[in-house]
Amino acid sequence: MIPDSDHKTAGTTLTGRIVAVRGNVVDLEFPEALPSIHTLIHSGADGDVGIEITSHLNERQVRGIALNVPAGLYRDQPAWTDGLPLMAPVGENLLGRMFNVFGEPIDGQPTPVGLHRRSVHQSPIDLARRVTSQEVFFTGIKAIDLLVPLERGGKAGLFGGAGVGKTVVITELIHNMVGRHKGMSIFCGIGERCREGEELHREMAAAGVLPNTVMVFGQMNEPPGARFRVGHTALTMAEYFRDDLGRDVLLLIDNIFRFIQAGSELSGLLGRLPSRMGYQPTMATELAELEERIASTRQAAITSIQAVYVPADDLTDPSAVHTFSHLSASIVLSRKRASEGFYPAIDLLQSRSIMLQPRIIGERHHRVAREVRRTLATYEELKDIIAMLGIEELSREDRQTVYRARRLERFLTQPFFTTTQFTGLTGKLVEVEETIDGCERILNDEFSEQPESALYMIGGIGEAAR
């Protein structure tokens, strides 16, 4: 960890003045001594504008990024700093509350007491302290548990374009996992809609899981500086629960692309030359600084599930490619499956997990998952022939494969608790053994006489047999 004393001017108040204001970029002059990089400068009428230093321009001037709206700043306005970086509150009294990037409550409740403050710029834990888990984190969602099992203490990504259901899957995971999850949860909203944040807060309060959850938001309407740093604030809180209290943490982030996008905005404002496809040249480093802090120790684990917006549904976009490299599981959401009414719209062939190994999940689970994937892949190959010539032109064996695949596709749909008010269908939570059993019975043609619709939007396979 980076102690506060590492900042040369910590504990000493330095005063300076604003030299120039260009949007969210602010140049300041400090005649006595230059504050360190990442130091938080205060300015504005009541000192309510926070400016984080990003570079030293010369022996007297620094350049920084405003973390909140810089309205009201002007040249020669006084600025001051105590030499400390942006600090996040930590403590048990965070639970049940909602905060912004500065750690200020935004839920209309009084500021919690008994909290300490810690720099958001922490180093990842040492390699010697890290552990990798071979324990699966089951979610109750059939398609995920069968084909993309999540790792306890790992990082999973939900990839998809606009409107394919990333936030819906995240909220369903919160609903299913917070109740059975022994630790606590932190939800970090980066650059998402304010409406979603308000709805999520209300739903979690109604479900009774809010007392075990911390929510941190840097929303779409906030400056890029706030969106860029809010993930670090949430991670600092998560590290406190993991390291100081020894509690498992479920860290949900919606949306990692907005973090990359905020970094791109800042890079442009600071005058850096863009890299490929307009992204910032420092994207890989900035993402790694955030992702590498999500890790497990022998005492406790931070398990992270992150939504990742994919621009134009292009999985080769640099933002998606760089995010893929940090993850132990990648859940790809498909617009095509969503348009066909298969929810959750998980692309069953493109989604991957390093946990899908027989020594981790068991021989039976691995065998069924492999056979399901093979059946669906064969069906995908046959679709062009079916479209041109019709299913009657296929061999008897291929027709059987198609019938199995269509039933598997429908069985791996599932009504969600968080969408009950829209669909009218009661949500289902399905244990992994029920999912394996159902898929095995479909592969053995036990439901060849049942209509395909009998397997659509159900929980366990027993519901189709009625």
Protein backbone atom coordinates (compact mmCIF):
# COMPACT_ATOMS: atom_id res chain seq x y z
CA MET A 1 0.00 0.00 0.00
CA ILE A 2 1.08 3.62 -0.52
CA PRO A 3 1.20 5.40 2.85
CA ASP A 4 0.20 9.03 2.95
CA SER A 5 3.71 10.01 4.05
CA ASP A 6 5.01 9.08 0.58
CA HIS A 7 3.65 12.41 -0.64
CA LYS A 8 6.46 14.91 -0.05
CA THR A 9 4.16 17.74 0.95
CA ALA A 10 1.71 15.65 3.04
CA GLY A 11 0.61 17.48 6.18
CA THR A 12 1.91 20.85 4.88
CA THR A 13 -0.59 23.33 3.47
CA LEU A 14 0.59 24.82 0.20
CA THR A 15 -1.16 27.77 -1.37
CA GLY A 16 -1.12 28.75 -5.02
CA ARG A 17 -3.31 30.22 -7.72
CA ILE A 18 -5.06 29.17 -10.92
CA VAL A 19 -3.17 30.18 -14.06
CA ALA A 20 -5.53 28.83 -16.75
CA VAL A 21 -8.83 26.94 -17.03
CA ARG A 22 -9.53 24.98 -20.24
CA GLY A 23 -12.66 22.92 -19.67
CA ASN A 24 -11.73 20.24 -17.12
CA VAL A 25 -7.99 20.96 -17.45
CA VAL A 26 -6.64 23.44 -14.90
CA ASP A 27 -3.11 24.88 -14.73
CA LEU A 28 -1.94 26.10 -11.31
CA GLU A 29 1.10 27.91 -9.93
CA PHE A 30 2.71 27.11 -6.56
CA PRO A 31 5.62 29.47 -5.85
CA GLU A 32 6.81 27.78 -2.61
CA ALA A 33 7.04 24.11 -3.67
CA LEU A 34 5.46 21.83 -6.24
CA PRO A 35 2.91 19.32 -4.94
CA SER A 36 3.46 15.68 -5.99
CA ILE A 37 1.70 13.96 -8.89
CA HIS A 38 -1.80 12.70 -7.81
CA THR A 39 -2.03 15.35 -5.07
CA LEU A 40 -5.57 16.72 -4.68
CA ILE A 41 -5.82 20.51 -4.99
CA HIS A 42 -8.83 22.43 -3.64
CA SER A 43 -10.25 25.55 -5.23
CA GLY A 44 -13.57 27.24 -5.94
CA ALA A 45 -15.75 29.45 -3.75
CA ASP A 46 -15.88 26.98 -0.84
CA GLY A 47 -12.96 24.77 -1.82
CA ASP A 48 -15.52 22.41 -3.32
CA VAL A 49 -13.72 21.77 -6.64
CA GLY A 50 -11.13 18.99 -6.42
CA ILE A 51 -8.29 19.02 -8.96
CA GLU A 52 -5.93 16.02 -9.25
CA ILE A 53 -2.42 16.83 -10.46
CA THR A 54 -1.38 14.87 -13.56
CA SER A 55 1.87 16.61 -14.63
CA HIS A 56 4.52 19.19 -13.69
CA LEU A 57 4.87 21.87 -16.38
CA ASN A 58 7.92 23.68 -14.97
CA GLU A 59 9.49 24.52 -11.59
CA ARG A 60 6.45 26.55 -10.50
CA GLN A 61 3.43 25.24 -12.45
CA VAL A 62 1.39 22.02 -12.48
CA ARG A 63 -1.47 20.76 -14.63
CA GLY A 64 -4.46 18.92 -13.20
CA ILE A 65 -7.88 17.51 -14.00
CA ALA A 66 -11.01 18.73 -12.19
CA LEU A 67 -12.83 15.77 -10.57
CA ASN A 68 -16.11 17.68 -10.37
CA VAL A 69 -17.72 20.42 -12.44
CA PRO A 70 -15.20 23.31 -12.75
CA ALA A 71 -17.91 25.97 -13.08
CA GLY A 72 -16.93 29.14 -11.21
CA LEU A 73 -13.15 28.68 -11.52
CA TYR A 74 -11.23 31.68 -12.88
CA ARG A 75 -7.66 32.89 -13.38
CA ASP A 76 -5.79 34.04 -10.26
CA GLN A 77 -8.32 32.28 -8.01
CA PRO A 78 -6.63 30.95 -4.85
CA ALA A 79 -5.98 27.19 -4.60
CA TRP A 80 -4.55 25.14 -1.75
CA THR A 81 -3.62 21.59 -0.80
CA ASP A 82 -2.66 19.62 2.29
CA GLY A 83 -0.40 17.45 0.13
CA LEU A 84 -2.66 14.39 0.22
CA PRO A 85 -4.07 12.49 -2.77
CA LEU A 86 -7.74 11.66 -3.30
CA MET A 87 -8.79 9.73 -0.18
CA ALA A 88 -11.56 7.11 0.07
CA PRO A 89 -13.42 6.41 3.33
CA VAL A 90 -13.02 2.89 4.75
CA GLY A 91 -14.81 1.20 7.64
CA GLU A 92 -17.74 -1.07 8.45
CA ASN A 93 -20.14 1.87 8.53
CA LEU A 94 -19.89 2.09 4.73
CA LEU A 95 -22.31 -0.85 4.48
CA GLY A 96 -25.78 0.02 3.28
CA ARG A 97 -24.71 3.41 1.93
CA MET A 98 -24.17 5.10 -1.46
CA PHE A 99 -21.15 7.35 -2.20
CA ASN A 100 -19.55 9.47 -4.94
CA VAL A 101 -15.89 9.48 -6.03
CA PHE A 102 -14.89 11.64 -3.01
CA GLY A 103 -16.53 9.24 -0.56
CA GLU A 104 -19.35 11.69 0.17
CA PRO A 105 -22.80 10.12 0.77
CA ILE A 106 -25.29 10.70 -2.08
CA ASP A 107 -28.25 8.78 -0.62
CA GLY A 108 -29.65 11.70 1.39
CA GLN A 109 -28.51 10.21 4.71
CA PRO A 110 -26.05 11.80 7.17
CA THR A 111 -22.31 11.18 6.75
CA PRO A 112 -21.42 7.89 8.49
CA VAL A 113 -19.21 8.13 11.55
CA GLY A 114 -16.19 6.06 12.58
CA LEU A 115 -14.60 5.97 9.13
CA HIS A 116 -10.91 6.32 8.27
CA ARG A 117 -9.54 7.63 5.00
CA ARG A 118 -7.07 5.89 2.71
CA SER A 119 -5.38 6.93 -0.54
CA VAL A 120 -7.09 5.57 -3.65
CA HIS A 121 -3.64 5.05 -5.23
CA GLN A 122 -2.71 1.69 -3.70
CA SER A 123 -0.27 -0.82 -5.15
CA PRO A 124 -1.50 -4.34 -6.01
CA ILE A 125 -0.72 -6.92 -3.31
CA ASP A 126 2.62 -8.73 -3.61
CA LEU A 127 2.78 -11.87 -5.73
CA ALA A 128 3.84 -13.86 -2.65
CA ARG A 129 0.55 -12.99 -0.93
CA ARG A 130 -1.68 -13.86 -3.91
CA VAL A 131 -3.48 -17.16 -4.26
CA THR A 132 -5.37 -18.59 -7.22
CA SER A 133 -8.54 -20.48 -6.40
CA GLN A 134 -9.89 -23.68 -7.88
CA GLU A 135 -13.26 -23.06 -6.29
CA VAL A 136 -16.24 -22.32 -8.53
CA PHE A 137 -18.58 -19.42 -7.75
CA PHE A 138 -22.05 -20.69 -8.75
CA THR A 139 -24.66 -18.09 -9.70
CA GLY A 140 -27.96 -19.96 -10.18
CA ILE A 141 -28.02 -18.92 -13.88
CA LYS A 142 -28.05 -22.10 -16.01
CA ALA A 143 -26.03 -20.96 -19.03
CA ILE A 144 -23.28 -19.41 -16.88
CA ASP A 145 -22.95 -22.26 -14.39
CA LEU A 146 -22.87 -24.94 -17.11
CA LEU A 147 -20.62 -23.40 -19.80
CA VAL A 148 -18.87 -20.40 -18.19
CA PRO A 149 -18.34 -21.28 -14.49
CA LEU A 150 -16.96 -18.33 -12.53
CA GLU A 151 -13.86 -18.49 -10.33
CA ARG A 152 -14.00 -17.51 -6.67
CA GLY A 153 -11.54 -14.65 -6.45
CA GLY A 154 -11.43 -14.31 -10.23
CA LYS A 155 -12.52 -11.66 -12.72
CA ALA A 156 -15.42 -12.26 -15.09
CA GLY A 157 -16.47 -9.96 -17.91
CA LEU A 158 -19.92 -9.47 -19.45
CA PHE A 159 -19.30 -8.33 -23.02
CA GLY A 160 -22.03 -6.89 -25.22
CA GLY A 161 -23.20 -3.93 -27.29
CA ALA A 162 -25.89 -1.45 -26.28
CA GLY A 163 -29.19 -2.93 -25.14
CA VAL A 164 -28.35 -6.66 -25.07
CA GLY A 165 -28.79 -7.05 -21.29
CA LYS A 166 -25.46 -6.48 -19.50
CA THR A 167 -26.99 -4.50 -16.64
CA VAL A 168 -29.92 -6.95 -16.37
CA VAL A 169 -27.50 -9.89 -15.93
CA ILE A 170 -25.43 -7.89 -13.39
CA THR A 171 -28.52 -7.05 -11.31
CA GLU A 172 -29.69 -10.69 -11.48
CA LEU A 173 -26.26 -11.82 -10.26
CA ILE A 174 -26.57 -9.38 -7.35
CA HIS A 175 -30.02 -10.76 -6.51
CA ASN A 176 -28.91 -14.41 -6.70
CA MET A 177 -25.52 -14.09 -5.06
CA VAL A 178 -25.87 -11.53 -2.29
CA GLY A 179 -28.34 -13.74 -0.45
CA ARG A 180 -26.09 -16.81 -0.56
CA HIS A 181 -22.74 -14.98 -0.58
CA LYS A 182 -21.12 -15.08 2.88
CA GLY A 183 -19.12 -11.86 2.42
CA MET A 184 -20.31 -8.47 1.27
CA SER A 185 -20.78 -6.68 -2.04
CA ILE A 186 -19.56 -3.43 -3.57
CA PHE A 187 -21.35 -2.09 -6.64
CA CYS A 188 -19.36 0.43 -8.67
CA GLY A 189 -21.25 2.39 -11.33
CA ILE A 190 -18.84 3.98 -13.84
CA GLY A 191 -20.39 6.32 -16.38
CA GLU A 192 -23.79 4.62 -16.47
CA ARG A 193 -27.28 6.11 -16.42
CA CYS A 194 -28.42 7.83 -13.21
CA ARG A 195 -31.81 6.13 -13.62
CA GLU A 196 -30.17 2.69 -13.37
CA GLY A 197 -28.34 3.69 -10.19
CA GLU A 198 -31.53 4.92 -8.54
CA GLU A 199 -33.49 1.81 -9.59
CA LEU A 200 -30.75 -0.53 -8.35
CA HIS A 201 -30.60 1.22 -4.98
CA ARG A 202 -34.38 0.96 -4.60
CA GLU A 203 -34.51 -2.71 -5.68
CA MET A 204 -31.70 -3.73 -3.32
CA ALA A 205 -33.40 -1.95 -0.43
CA ALA A 206 -36.68 -3.75 -1.25
CA ALA A 207 -34.89 -7.12 -1.47
CA GLY A 208 -33.27 -6.57 1.95
CA VAL A 209 -29.68 -6.96 0.67
CA LEU A 210 -28.65 -3.30 0.98
CA PRO A 211 -27.30 -3.62 4.57
CA ASN A 212 -24.55 -5.90 3.21
CA THR A 213 -23.69 -3.72 0.20
CA VAL A 214 -21.72 -0.53 -0.55
CA MET A 215 -22.58 1.45 -3.69
CA VAL A 216 -20.18 3.89 -5.36
CA PHE A 217 -21.19 5.97 -8.40
CA GLY A 218 -19.47 8.19 -10.93
CA GLN A 219 -22.36 8.67 -13.31
CA MET A 220 -22.73 9.54 -16.98
CA ASN A 221 -23.37 13.25 -16.26
CA GLU A 222 -20.21 13.69 -14.18
CA PRO A 223 -16.85 14.99 -15.51
CA PRO A 224 -14.37 12.44 -16.92
CA GLY A 225 -12.08 12.87 -13.90
CA ALA A 226 -14.79 11.51 -11.57
CA ARG A 227 -15.61 8.62 -13.91
CA PHE A 228 -11.92 7.75 -14.22
CA ARG A 229 -11.26 7.66 -10.45
CA VAL A 230 -14.49 6.17 -9.07
CA GLY A 231 -13.26 2.61 -9.77
CA HIS A 232 -10.17 3.28 -7.64
CA THR A 233 -12.38 4.57 -4.81
CA ALA A 234 -14.50 1.39 -4.89
CA LEU A 235 -11.40 -0.84 -5.04
CA THR A 236 -9.86 0.90 -2.03
CA MET A 237 -13.02 0.11 -0.04
CA ALA A 238 -12.94 -3.51 -1.28
CA GLU A 239 -9.28 -3.90 -0.27
CA TYR A 240 -10.11 -2.69 3.25
CA PHE A 241 -12.76 -5.39 3.70
CA ARG A 242 -10.42 -8.04 2.24
CA ASP A 243 -7.19 -7.12 4.03
CA ASP A 244 -8.26 -5.48 7.30
CA LEU A 245 -11.44 -7.44 8.06
CA GLY A 246 -10.69 -10.69 6.19
CA ARG A 247 -14.07 -10.72 4.41
CA ASP A 248 -14.83 -12.01 0.94
CA VAL A 249 -15.94 -9.21 -1.38
CA LEU A 250 -18.10 -9.42 -4.49
CA LEU A 251 -17.12 -6.41 -6.63
CA LEU A 252 -19.57 -5.59 -9.42
CA ILE A 253 -18.51 -2.97 -11.97
CA ASP A 254 -20.85 -1.45 -14.55
CA ASN A 255 -19.17 -0.47 -16.90
CA ILE A 256 -15.43 -0.95 -17.53
CA PHE A 257 -15.63 0.56 -21.03
CA ARG A 258 -16.78 3.85 -19.47
CA PHE A 259 -13.58 3.84 -17.39
CA ILE A 260 -11.52 3.43 -20.58
CA GLN A 261 -13.67 6.10 -22.28
CA ALA A 262 -13.08 8.56 -19.42
CA GLY A 263 -9.33 7.94 -19.72
CA SER A 264 -9.60 8.63 -23.44
CA GLU A 265 -11.38 11.94 -22.77
CA LEU A 266 -8.73 12.97 -20.24
CA SER A 267 -5.94 12.00 -22.61
CA GLY A 268 -7.42 14.23 -25.32
CA LEU A 269 -7.92 17.12 -22.89
CA LEU A 270 -4.27 16.84 -21.81
CA GLY A 271 -3.13 17.02 -25.43
CA ARG A 272 -1.70 13.49 -25.81
CA LEU A 273 -1.58 12.00 -29.29
CA PRO A 274 -4.26 9.30 -29.67
CA SER A 275 -3.38 5.66 -30.27
CA ARG A 276 -5.17 3.10 -32.45
CA MET A 277 -8.84 3.90 -33.14
CA GLY A 278 -8.60 7.10 -31.09
CA TYR A 279 -7.92 5.47 -27.71
CA GLN A 280 -5.38 6.92 -25.30
CA PRO A 281 -1.78 5.65 -25.66
CA THR A 282 -1.78 4.72 -21.95
CA MET A 283 -4.93 2.52 -22.06
CA ALA A 284 -3.17 -0.79 -21.31
CA THR A 285 -1.35 0.70 -18.30
CA GLU A 286 -4.43 2.45 -16.86
CA LEU A 287 -6.56 -0.69 -17.17
CA ALA A 288 -3.86 -2.88 -15.62
CA GLU A 289 -3.47 -0.48 -12.65
CA LEU A 290 -7.16 -1.03 -11.88
CA GLU A 291 -7.50 -4.74 -12.73
CA GLU A 292 -4.33 -5.98 -11.02
CA ARG A 293 -5.61 -4.75 -7.66
CA ILE A 294 -8.47 -7.27 -7.88
CA ALA A 295 -6.89 -10.34 -6.31
CA SER A 296 -7.25 -13.00 -3.59
CA THR A 297 -5.17 -13.67 -0.50
CA ARG A 298 -5.19 -16.71 1.78
CA GLN A 299 -7.54 -14.88 4.15
CA ALA A 300 -10.15 -13.51 1.74
CA ALA A 301 -10.97 -12.94 -1.92
CA ILE A 302 -12.23 -10.14 -4.14
CA THR A 303 -14.41 -11.73 -6.84
CA SER A 304 -15.21 -9.28 -9.63
CA ILE A 305 -17.91 -9.31 -12.29
CA GLN A 306 -17.61 -6.50 -14.82
CA ALA A 307 -19.90 -5.33 -17.58
CA VAL A 308 -17.98 -4.32 -20.72
CA TYR A 309 -19.71 -2.31 -23.44
CA VAL A 310 -18.47 -3.43 -26.87
CA PRO A 311 -18.54 -0.57 -29.45
CA ALA A 312 -20.49 -1.60 -32.59
CA ASP A 313 -20.58 -5.22 -31.30
CA ASP A 314 -16.95 -5.56 -32.42
CA LEU A 315 -15.05 -7.88 -30.07
CA THR A 316 -11.76 -6.94 -31.80
CA ASP A 317 -12.10 -3.34 -30.57
CA PRO A 318 -8.93 -2.44 -28.54
CA SER A 319 -10.98 -1.74 -25.39
CA ALA A 320 -12.50 -5.26 -25.47
CA VAL A 321 -9.19 -6.93 -26.41
CA HIS A 322 -7.29 -5.31 -23.52
CA THR A 323 -10.07 -6.20 -21.06
CA PHE A 324 -10.18 -9.86 -22.22
CA SER A 325 -6.55 -10.34 -21.20
CA HIS A 326 -7.31 -9.69 -17.51
CA LEU A 327 -10.26 -12.06 -17.11
CA SER A 328 -10.69 -15.67 -15.98
CA ALA A 329 -14.16 -15.89 -17.58
CA SER A 330 -15.66 -14.01 -20.55
CA ILE A 331 -19.44 -14.03 -20.98
CA VAL A 332 -20.34 -12.69 -24.44
CA LEU A 333 -23.88 -11.40 -24.96
CA SER A 334 -25.29 -11.73 -28.47
CA ARG A 335 -27.65 -9.28 -30.18
CA LYS A 336 -28.78 -12.10 -32.49
CA ARG A 337 -29.85 -14.31 -29.57
CA ALA A 338 -31.62 -11.35 -27.94
CA SER A 339 -33.56 -10.71 -31.17
CA GLU A 340 -34.62 -14.39 -31.21
CA GLY A 341 -35.98 -14.10 -27.66
CA PHE A 342 -33.31 -16.21 -25.93
CA TYR A 343 -32.72 -14.54 -22.56
CA PRO A 344 -30.18 -14.26 -21.03
CA ALA A 345 -28.76 -13.56 -24.50
CA ILE A 346 -25.45 -15.36 -23.80
CA ASP A 347 -23.51 -16.51 -26.85
CA LEU A 348 -22.98 -20.11 -25.75
CA LEU A 349 -20.14 -20.75 -28.22
CA GLN A 350 -18.08 -17.55 -27.80
CA SER A 351 -18.19 -17.43 -23.99
CA ARG A 352 -15.17 -18.98 -22.24
CA SER A 353 -13.93 -19.81 -18.72
CA ILE A 354 -10.60 -21.18 -17.45
CA MET A 355 -12.58 -23.09 -14.78
CA LEU A 356 -14.14 -25.44 -17.36
CA GLN A 357 -11.70 -28.27 -16.54
CA PRO A 358 -12.60 -31.77 -15.27
CA ARG A 359 -10.24 -31.54 -12.27
CA ILE A 360 -12.06 -28.39 -11.08
CA ILE A 361 -15.74 -28.89 -11.95
CA GLY A 362 -15.83 -32.70 -12.07
CA GLU A 363 -15.83 -35.22 -14.91
CA ARG A 364 -19.62 -35.33 -15.44
CA HIS A 365 -20.07 -31.54 -15.59
CA HIS A 366 -17.15 -31.23 -18.03
CA ARG A 367 -18.44 -34.04 -20.26
CA VAL A 368 -21.98 -32.62 -20.45
CA ALA A 369 -20.71 -29.06 -21.09
CA ARG A 370 -18.41 -30.29 -23.86
CA GLU A 371 -21.23 -32.28 -25.49
CA VAL A 372 -23.64 -29.31 -25.26
CA ARG A 373 -21.06 -27.04 -26.91
CA ARG A 374 -20.35 -29.64 -29.65
CA THR A 375 -24.07 -30.06 -30.38
CA LEU A 376 -24.64 -26.30 -30.60
CA ALA A 377 -21.55 -25.85 -32.83
CA THR A 378 -22.79 -28.54 -35.24
CA TYR A 379 -26.22 -26.85 -35.39
CA GLU A 380 -24.53 -23.52 -36.18
CA GLU A 381 -22.69 -25.14 -39.10
CA LEU A 382 -25.91 -26.71 -40.43
CA LYS A 383 -27.96 -23.48 -40.33
CA ASP A 384 -26.92 -22.39 -43.83
CA ILE A 385 -27.91 -25.74 -45.33
CA ILE A 386 -31.26 -25.65 -43.50
CA ALA A 387 -31.89 -22.09 -44.77
CA MET A 388 -31.21 -23.10 -48.40
CA LEU A 389 -32.53 -26.67 -48.66
CA GLY A 390 -34.70 -27.23 -45.58
CA ILE A 391 -34.20 -29.55 -42.62
CA GLU A 392 -35.60 -32.55 -44.58
CA GLU A 393 -32.43 -32.66 -46.71
CA LEU A 394 -30.24 -33.41 -43.69
CA SER A 395 -29.22 -36.93 -42.70
CA ARG A 396 -31.18 -38.57 -39.90
CA GLU A 397 -28.24 -38.11 -37.50
CA ASP A 398 -27.90 -34.40 -38.34
CA ARG A 399 -31.64 -33.89 -37.88
CA GLN A 400 -31.39 -35.42 -34.40
CA THR A 401 -28.49 -33.05 -33.60
CA VAL A 402 -30.57 -30.06 -34.73
CA TYR A 403 -33.57 -31.13 -32.61
CA ARG A 404 -31.31 -31.55 -29.54
CA ALA A 405 -29.60 -28.21 -30.12
CA ARG A 406 -32.90 -26.34 -30.44
CA ARG A 407 -34.13 -27.88 -27.20
CA LEU A 408 -30.83 -27.07 -25.45
CA GLU A 409 -31.05 -23.44 -26.61
CA ARG A 410 -34.52 -23.14 -25.11
CA PHE A 411 -33.66 -24.97 -21.89
CA LEU A 412 -30.71 -22.58 -21.29
CA THR A 413 -33.09 -19.60 -21.26
CA GLN A 414 -34.26 -18.53 -17.81
CA PRO A 415 -36.76 -16.08 -16.30
CA PHE A 416 -35.00 -13.53 -14.06
CA PHE A 417 -36.19 -12.18 -10.73
CA THR A 418 -35.20 -8.66 -11.77
CA THR A 419 -37.37 -8.75 -14.93
CA THR A 420 -40.53 -10.23 -13.39
CA GLN A 421 -42.37 -6.88 -13.57
CA PHE A 422 -41.71 -6.69 -17.34
CA THR A 423 -42.20 -10.33 -18.39
CA GLY A 424 -44.80 -11.51 -15.87
CA LEU A 425 -42.68 -14.66 -15.35
CA THR A 426 -41.52 -15.57 -11.85
CA GLY A 427 -37.72 -15.65 -11.57
CA LYS A 428 -35.96 -19.02 -11.20
CA LEU A 429 -32.72 -19.88 -9.43
CA VAL A 430 -31.39 -23.25 -10.68
CA GLU A 431 -28.71 -25.34 -8.95
CA VAL A 432 -25.90 -26.52 -11.21
CA GLU A 433 -26.76 -30.21 -10.67
CA GLU A 434 -30.28 -29.58 -12.00
CA THR A 435 -28.82 -27.86 -15.06
CA ILE A 436 -26.39 -30.72 -15.78
CA ASP A 437 -29.16 -33.28 -15.29
CA GLY A 438 -31.52 -31.41 -17.64
CA CYS A 439 -28.92 -31.04 -20.42
CA GLU A 440 -27.90 -34.70 -20.11
CA ARG A 441 -31.51 -35.85 -20.45
CA ILE A 442 -32.03 -33.61 -23.53
CA LEU A 443 -28.86 -35.03 -25.11
CA ASN A 444 -30.21 -38.55 -24.43
CA ASP A 445 -33.41 -37.63 -26.36
CA GLU A 446 -35.68 -38.03 -23.33
CA PHE A 447 -37.64 -34.94 -24.46
CA SER A 448 -37.81 -35.66 -28.19
CA GLU A 449 -41.59 -36.09 -27.91
CA GLN A 450 -42.06 -32.83 -26.02
CA PRO A 451 -42.61 -29.60 -28.01
CA GLU A 452 -39.60 -27.25 -27.96
CA SER A 453 -41.74 -24.56 -26.32
CA ALA A 454 -42.11 -26.76 -23.20
CA LEU A 455 -38.40 -26.13 -22.45
CA TYR A 456 -38.48 -22.36 -23.01
CA MET A 457 -38.16 -20.02 -19.99
CA ILE A 458 -38.33 -22.69 -17.30
CA GLY A 459 -36.18 -23.45 -14.27
CA GLY A 460 -35.25 -27.10 -13.70
CA ILE A 461 -36.01 -29.80 -16.28
CA GLY A 462 -38.75 -31.17 -14.05
CA GLU A 463 -40.99 -28.26 -15.10
CA ALA A 464 -40.97 -29.51 -18.72
CA ALA A 465 -41.89 -33.03 -17.73
CA ARG A 466 -45.18 -31.98 -16.13
